[in-house]
């Protein structure tokens, strides 16, 4: 039982970390694209 709690806790931590990384990558990508468009104009 205790091992399961630790396992699910670490899985949740990894899942949250992945979501945050994907979210940040998406925001940075959007910023870079809008910045590149400004420079092209």
N, C-alpha and C. Protein backbone atom coordinates (compact mmCIF):
# COMPACT_ATOMS: atom_id res chain seq x y z
N UNK A 1 0.84 -1.21 0.00
CA UNK A 1 0.00 0.00 0.00
C UNK A 1 0.87 1.25 0.00
N UNK A 2 1.87 1.28 0.90
CA UNK A 2 2.74 2.45 0.99
C UNK A 2 3.53 2.64 -0.30
N UNK A 3 3.99 1.52 -0.88
CA UNK A 3 4.75 1.59 -2.14
C UNK A 3 3.89 2.16 -3.25
N UNK A 4 2.60 1.78 -3.27
CA UNK A 4 1.69 2.30 -4.29
C UNK A 4 1.54 3.82 -4.16
N UNK A 5 1.42 4.31 -2.92
CA UNK A 5 1.26 5.75 -2.69
C UNK A 5 2.48 6.50 -3.21
N UNK A 6 3.67 5.96 -2.93
CA UNK A 6 4.90 6.60 -3.40
C UNK A 6 4.95 6.57 -4.92
N UNK A 7 4.58 5.44 -5.50
CA UNK A 7 4.59 5.29 -6.96
C UNK A 7 3.65 6.29 -7.62
N UNK A 8 2.39 6.35 -7.13
CA UNK A 8 1.42 7.27 -7.73
C UNK A 8 1.81 8.73 -7.48
N UNK A 9 2.43 8.99 -6.33
CA UNK A 9 2.87 10.35 -6.05
C UNK A 9 3.95 10.80 -7.02
N UNK A 10 4.89 9.90 -7.30
CA UNK A 10 5.96 10.24 -8.24
C UNK A 10 5.41 10.34 -9.66
N UNK A 11 4.45 9.48 -9.99
CA UNK A 11 3.82 9.55 -11.33
C UNK A 11 3.11 10.88 -11.51
N UNK A 12 2.39 11.33 -10.47
CA UNK A 12 1.67 12.61 -10.54
C UNK A 12 2.67 13.76 -10.69
N UNK A 13 3.78 13.69 -9.96
CA UNK A 13 4.81 14.73 -10.06
C UNK A 13 5.38 14.79 -11.47
N UNK A 14 5.66 13.62 -12.05
CA UNK A 14 6.20 13.57 -13.42
C UNK A 14 5.17 14.12 -14.41
N UNK A 15 3.91 13.73 -14.25
CA UNK A 15 2.86 14.19 -15.16
C UNK A 15 2.73 15.72 -15.11
N UNK A 16 2.74 16.27 -13.89
CA UNK A 16 2.63 17.74 -13.73
C UNK A 16 3.84 18.42 -14.36
N UNK A 17 5.03 17.85 -14.15
CA UNK A 17 6.25 18.43 -14.72
C UNK A 17 6.17 18.44 -16.25
N UNK A 18 5.67 17.33 -16.84
CA UNK A 18 5.55 17.25 -18.30
C UNK A 18 4.58 18.31 -18.81
N UNK A 19 3.45 18.46 -18.12
CA UNK A 19 2.45 19.45 -18.53
C UNK A 19 3.05 20.86 -18.49
N UNK A 20 3.78 21.17 -17.42
CA UNK A 20 4.40 22.49 -17.29
C UNK A 20 5.42 22.73 -18.40
N UNK A 21 6.26 21.72 -18.68
CA UNK A 21 7.28 21.87 -19.72
C UNK A 21 6.62 22.10 -21.08
N UNK A 22 5.58 21.31 -21.39
CA UNK A 22 4.88 21.46 -22.68
C UNK A 22 4.25 22.85 -22.77
N UNK A 23 3.63 23.29 -21.67
CA UNK A 23 2.98 24.60 -21.64
C UNK A 23 3.99 25.72 -21.87
N UNK A 24 5.13 25.63 -21.18
CA UNK A 24 6.17 26.65 -21.34
C UNK A 24 6.73 26.63 -22.76
N UNK A 25 6.97 25.44 -23.30
CA UNK A 25 7.51 25.33 -24.66
C UNK A 25 6.53 25.96 -25.65
N UNK A 26 5.23 25.73 -25.43
CA UNK A 26 4.20 26.30 -26.32
C UNK A 26 4.21 27.82 -26.24
N UNK A 27 4.29 28.38 -25.02
CA UNK A 27 4.30 29.83 -24.85
C UNK A 27 5.56 30.44 -25.48
N UNK A 28 6.71 29.82 -25.26
CA UNK A 28 7.97 30.33 -25.81
C UNK A 28 7.91 30.29 -27.34
N UNK A 29 7.40 29.20 -27.88
CA UNK A 29 7.28 29.05 -29.34
C UNK A 29 6.39 30.16 -29.91
N UNK A 30 5.28 30.44 -29.21
CA UNK A 30 4.36 31.49 -29.65
C UNK A 30 5.05 32.85 -29.62
N UNK A 31 5.79 33.12 -28.54
CA UNK A 31 6.51 34.39 -28.40
C UNK A 31 7.54 34.55 -29.52
N UNK A 32 8.29 33.48 -29.80
CA UNK A 32 9.33 33.53 -30.84
C UNK A 32 8.68 33.82 -32.19
N UNK A 33 7.54 33.18 -32.47
CA UNK A 33 6.87 33.39 -33.75
C UNK A 33 6.38 34.82 -33.90
N UNK A 34 5.73 35.36 -32.86
CA UNK A 34 5.23 36.74 -32.94
C UNK A 34 6.39 37.72 -33.02
N UNK A 35 7.49 37.42 -32.33
CA UNK A 35 8.67 38.29 -32.38
C UNK A 35 9.28 38.26 -33.78
N UNK A 36 9.33 37.10 -34.40
CA UNK A 36 9.90 36.97 -35.75
C UNK A 36 9.03 37.75 -36.74
N UNK A 37 7.73 37.71 -36.55
CA UNK A 37 6.84 38.45 -37.46
C UNK A 37 7.08 39.95 -37.33
N UNK A 38 7.31 40.44 -36.13
CA UNK A 38 7.59 41.86 -35.93
C UNK A 38 8.87 42.27 -36.65
N UNK A 39 9.88 41.41 -36.59
CA UNK A 39 11.16 41.72 -37.24
C UNK A 39 11.02 41.68 -38.76
N UNK A 40 10.16 40.80 -39.26
CA UNK A 40 9.96 40.70 -40.72
C UNK A 40 9.26 41.97 -41.24
N UNK A 41 8.36 42.53 -40.42
CA UNK A 41 7.68 43.75 -40.83
C UNK A 41 8.60 44.92 -40.59
